[in-house]
C-alpha atoms as a PDB file:
ATOM      1  CA  UNK A   1     -29.973  36.473 -32.737  1.00  0.00           C
ATOM      2  CA  UNK A   2     -31.186  34.401 -29.816  1.00  0.00           C
ATOM      3  CA  UNK A   3     -29.315  33.847 -26.573  1.00  0.00           C
ATOM      4  CA  UNK A   4     -28.126  30.481 -27.871  1.00  0.00           C
ATOM      5  CA  UNK A   5     -24.372  30.147 -28.139  1.00  0.00           C
ATOM      6  CA  UNK A   6     -23.014  31.063 -31.548  1.00  0.00           C
ATOM      7  CA  UNK A   7     -21.768  28.121 -33.611  1.00  0.00           C
ATOM      8  CA  UNK A   8     -18.067  27.299 -33.638  1.00  0.00           C
ATOM      9  CA  UNK A   9     -16.372  28.149 -36.917  1.00  0.00           C
ATOM     10  CA  UNK A  10     -13.286  26.561 -38.450  1.00  0.00           C
ATOM     11  CA  UNK A  11     -11.496  28.900 -40.869  1.00  0.00           C
ATOM     12  CA  UNK A  12      -9.267  27.090 -43.379  1.00  0.00           C
ATOM     13  CA  UNK A  13      -6.992  29.229 -45.556  1.00  0.00           C
ATOM     14  CA  UNK A  14      -3.346  28.784 -46.504  1.00  0.00           C
ATOM     15  CA  UNK A  15      -3.060  32.583 -46.706  1.00  0.00           C
ATOM     16  CA  UNK A  16      -2.335  33.579 -43.097  1.00  0.00           C
ATOM     17  CA  UNK A  17      -3.434  37.195 -43.693  1.00  0.00           C
ATOM     18  CA  UNK A  18      -6.830  36.115 -45.026  1.00  0.00           C
ATOM     19  CA  UNK A  19      -7.315  33.676 -42.156  1.00  0.00           C
ATOM     20  CA  UNK A  20      -6.369  36.350 -39.614  1.00  0.00           C
ATOM     21  CA  UNK A  21      -8.719  38.961 -41.122  1.00  0.00           C
ATOM     22  CA  UNK A  22     -11.637  36.514 -41.063  1.00  0.00           C
ATOM     23  CA  UNK A  23     -10.757  35.318 -37.547  1.00  0.00           C
ATOM     24  CA  UNK A  24     -10.592  38.772 -35.998  1.00  0.00           C
ATOM     25  CA  UNK A  25     -13.741  39.959 -37.805  1.00  0.00           C
ATOM     26  CA  UNK A  26     -15.880  36.996 -36.710  1.00  0.00           C
ATOM     27  CA  UNK A  27     -14.394  36.770 -33.204  1.00  0.00           C
ATOM     28  CA  UNK A  28     -15.360  40.415 -32.719  1.00  0.00           C
ATOM     29  CA  UNK A  29     -18.926  39.281 -33.444  1.00  0.00           C
ATOM     30  CA  UNK A  30     -18.724  36.659 -30.725  1.00  0.00           C
ATOM     31  CA  UNK A  31     -18.080  33.516 -32.762  1.00  0.00           C
ATOM     32  CA  UNK A  32     -15.794  30.882 -31.233  1.00  0.00           C
ATOM     33  CA  UNK A  33     -13.169  30.218 -33.862  1.00  0.00           C
ATOM     34  CA  UNK A  34     -10.322  27.919 -34.839  1.00  0.00           C
ATOM     35  CA  UNK A  35      -7.938  28.413 -37.760  1.00  0.00           C
ATOM     36  CA  UNK A  36      -6.186  25.835 -39.933  1.00  0.00           C
ATOM     37  CA  UNK A  37      -3.734  26.673 -42.719  1.00  0.00           C
ATOM     38  CA  UNK A  38      -3.970  23.526 -44.858  1.00  0.00           C
ATOM     39  CA  UNK A  39      -6.257  20.622 -45.609  1.00  0.00           C
ATOM     40  CA  UNK A  40      -4.593  18.052 -43.350  1.00  0.00           C
ATOM     41  CA  UNK A  41      -4.562  20.467 -40.408  1.00  0.00           C
ATOM     42  CA  UNK A  42      -8.214  21.282 -41.103  1.00  0.00           C
ATOM     43  CA  UNK A  43      -9.218  17.611 -41.054  1.00  0.00           C
ATOM     44  CA  UNK A  44      -7.299  17.001 -37.816  1.00  0.00           C
ATOM     45  CA  UNK A  45      -8.898  20.034 -36.171  1.00  0.00           C
ATOM     46  CA  UNK A  46     -12.320  19.030 -37.521  1.00  0.00           C
ATOM     47  CA  UNK A  47     -12.285  16.033 -35.169  1.00  0.00           C
ATOM     48  CA  UNK A  48     -11.179  17.982 -32.088  1.00  0.00           C
ATOM     49  CA  UNK A  49     -12.873  21.369 -32.624  1.00  0.00           C
ATOM     50  CA  UNK A  50     -16.113  19.860 -33.996  1.00  0.00           C
ATOM     51  CA  UNK A  51     -17.116  23.089 -35.767  1.00  0.00           C
ATOM     52  CA  UNK A  52     -20.657  23.792 -36.910  1.00  0.00           C
ATOM     53  CA  UNK A  53     -19.490  25.952 -39.813  1.00  0.00           C
ATOM     54  CA  UNK A  54     -16.347  25.603 -41.924  1.00  0.00           C
ATOM     55  CA  UNK A  55     -15.068  28.523 -44.012  1.00  0.00           C
ATOM     56  CA  UNK A  56     -12.959  26.653 -46.524  1.00  0.00           C
ATOM     57  CA  UNK A  57     -10.455  28.012 -49.039  1.00  0.00           C
ATOM     58  CA  UNK A  58     -10.406  26.001 -52.272  1.00  0.00           C
ATOM     59  CA  UNK A  59      -6.902  26.491 -53.631  1.00  0.00           C
ATOM     60  CA  UNK A  60      -4.437  25.192 -51.048  1.00  0.00           C
ATOM     61  CA  UNK A  61      -1.289  23.111 -51.405  1.00  0.00           C
ATOM     62  CA  UNK A  62      -1.733  19.419 -50.632  1.00  0.00           C
ATOM     63  CA  UNK A  63      -5.370  18.585 -50.024  1.00  0.00           C
ATOM     64  CA  UNK A  64      -7.455  21.262 -51.709  1.00  0.00           C
ATOM     65  CA  UNK A  65     -10.763  22.580 -50.460  1.00  0.00           C
ATOM     66  CA  UNK A  66     -12.806  20.275 -52.705  1.00  0.00           C
ATOM     67  CA  UNK A  67     -11.206  17.193 -51.151  1.00  0.00           C
ATOM     68  CA  UNK A  68     -11.418  18.556 -47.594  1.00  0.00           C
ATOM     69  CA  UNK A  69     -15.101  19.374 -48.105  1.00  0.00           C
ATOM     70  CA  UNK A  70     -15.842  15.861 -49.391  1.00  0.00           C
ATOM     71  CA  UNK A  71     -14.048  14.229 -46.458  1.00  0.00           C
ATOM     72  CA  UNK A  72     -15.796  16.440 -43.895  1.00  0.00           C
ATOM     73  CA  UNK A  73     -19.242  15.899 -45.413  1.00  0.00           C
ATOM     74  CA  UNK A  74     -18.703  12.123 -45.418  1.00  0.00           C
ATOM     75  CA  UNK A  75     -17.720  12.070 -41.731  1.00  0.00           C
ATOM     76  CA  UNK A  76     -20.020   9.519 -40.036  1.00  0.00           C
ATOM     77  CA  UNK A  77     -20.686  11.581 -36.894  1.00  0.00           C
ATOM     78  CA  UNK A  78     -20.194  15.202 -37.920  1.00  0.00           C
ATOM     79  CA  UNK A  79     -20.801  15.306 -41.658  1.00  0.00           C
ATOM     80  CA  UNK A  80     -24.549  15.799 -41.676  1.00  0.00           C
ATOM     81  CA  UNK A  81     -24.620  18.578 -39.117  1.00  0.00           C
ATOM     82  CA  UNK A  82     -21.999  20.964 -40.549  1.00  0.00           C
ATOM     83  CA  UNK A  83     -22.312  23.776 -43.051  1.00  0.00           C
ATOM     84  CA  UNK A  84     -19.345  24.218 -45.381  1.00  0.00           C
ATOM     85  CA  UNK A  85     -18.888  27.614 -46.997  1.00  0.00           C
ATOM     86  CA  UNK A  86     -16.290  27.674 -49.764  1.00  0.00           C
ATOM     87  CA  UNK A  87     -14.218  30.873 -49.798  1.00  0.00           C
ATOM     88  CA  UNK A  88     -12.435  31.179 -53.107  1.00  0.00           C
ATOM     89  CA  UNK A  89     -11.182  33.384 -55.900  1.00  0.00           C
ATOM     90  CA  UNK A  90     -12.713  30.899 -58.339  1.00  0.00           C
ATOM     91  CA  UNK A  91     -15.863  32.650 -59.458  1.00  0.00           C
ATOM     92  CA  UNK A  92     -16.925  30.832 -62.584  1.00  0.00           C
ATOM     93  CA  UNK A  93     -20.292  29.101 -62.655  1.00  0.00           C
ATOM     94  CA  UNK A  94     -18.534  25.725 -63.063  1.00  0.00           C
ATOM     95  CA  UNK A  95     -16.613  26.368 -59.842  1.00  0.00           C
ATOM     96  CA  UNK A  96     -19.814  27.170 -57.978  1.00  0.00           C
ATOM     97  CA  UNK A  97     -21.413  24.029 -59.334  1.00  0.00           C
ATOM     98  CA  UNK A  98     -18.373  21.977 -58.295  1.00  0.00           C
ATOM     99  CA  UNK A  99     -18.539  23.480 -54.794  1.00  0.00           C
ATOM    100  CA  UNK A 100     -22.144  22.365 -54.453  1.00  0.00           C
ATOM    101  CA  UNK A 101     -21.413  18.939 -55.949  1.00  0.00           C
ATOM    102  CA  UNK A 102     -18.653  18.305 -53.392  1.00  0.00           C
ATOM    103  CA  UNK A 103     -21.151  18.992 -50.626  1.00  0.00           C
ATOM    104  CA  UNK A 104     -20.507  22.659 -49.941  1.00  0.00           C
ATOM    105  CA  UNK A 105     -23.519  24.519 -48.594  1.00  0.00           C
ATOM    106  CA  UNK A 106     -22.572  28.012 -49.669  1.00  0.00           C
ATOM    107  CA  UNK A 107     -19.983  30.087 -51.451  1.00  0.00           C
ATOM    108  CA  UNK A 108     -18.171  33.391 -50.855  1.00  0.00           C
ATOM    109  CA  UNK A 109     -15.937  34.908 -53.517  1.00  0.00           C
ATOM    110  CA  UNK A 110     -12.511  36.414 -52.904  1.00  0.00           C
ATOM    111  CA  UNK A 111     -11.662  39.134 -52.521  1.00  0.00           C
ATOM    112  CA  UNK A 112     -14.391  38.854 -49.919  1.00  0.00           C
ATOM    113  CA  UNK A 113     -16.423  41.638 -48.446  1.00  0.00           C
ATOM    114  CA  UNK A 114     -16.391  41.073 -44.673  1.00  0.00           C
ATOM    115  CA  UNK A 115     -19.981  42.189 -44.187  1.00  0.00           C
ATOM    116  CA  UNK A 116     -21.102  39.786 -46.927  1.00  0.00           C
ATOM    117  CA  UNK A 117     -19.005  37.014 -45.371  1.00  0.00           C
ATOM    118  CA  UNK A 118     -20.603  37.676 -41.969  1.00  0.00           C
ATOM    119  CA  UNK A 119     -24.117  37.639 -43.431  1.00  0.00           C
ATOM    120  CA  UNK A 120     -23.324  34.353 -45.229  1.00  0.00           C
ATOM    121  CA  UNK A 121     -22.140  32.903 -41.906  1.00  0.00           C
ATOM    122  CA  UNK A 122     -25.303  34.153 -40.155  1.00  0.00           C
ATOM    123  CA  UNK A 123     -27.525  32.718 -42.883  1.00  0.00           C
ATOM    124  CA  UNK A 124     -25.822  29.327 -42.582  1.00  0.00           C
ATOM    125  CA  UNK A 125     -25.870  29.441 -38.780  1.00  0.00           C
ATOM    126  CA  UNK A 126     -29.650  29.869 -38.962  1.00  0.00           C
ATOM    127  CA  UNK A 127     -29.849  26.697 -41.086  1.00  0.00           C
ATOM    128  CA  UNK A 128     -27.892  24.531 -38.665  1.00  0.00           C
ATOM    129  CA  UNK A 129     -29.833  21.717 -37.028  1.00  0.00           C
ATOM    130  CA  UNK A 130     -30.902  22.683 -33.520  1.00  0.00           C
ATOM    131  CA  UNK A 131     -28.434  21.493 -30.907  1.00  0.00           C
ATOM    132  CA  UNK A 132     -29.715  18.447 -29.102  1.00  0.00           C
END
């Protein structure tokens, strides 16, 4: 990892325990982090936090992860420069295909392995456009 600042991550999960586990694990690795617990909160924070990576739960009440991903990816200023990683218990091929069709960049299955989650984040961080 270079000396460049680590990308800001927005964790979106309606399960507070999951969100907290991910937050503490990635913060311990030096990532700046924000947490939202539903789709509307995630979209509001997206504007203010301006994350580089979004870890997005699919099954949430209200706006689900598919819709949140679509809205974020269509954002005129931020949409092209973010990486969205869907974090979900849905593990069927059709679900993976839907994640990619809604604009998601990657996919982590629940129950997630934290080391695998961290390596997925690192892989996506390496693919981010260079900060200008």
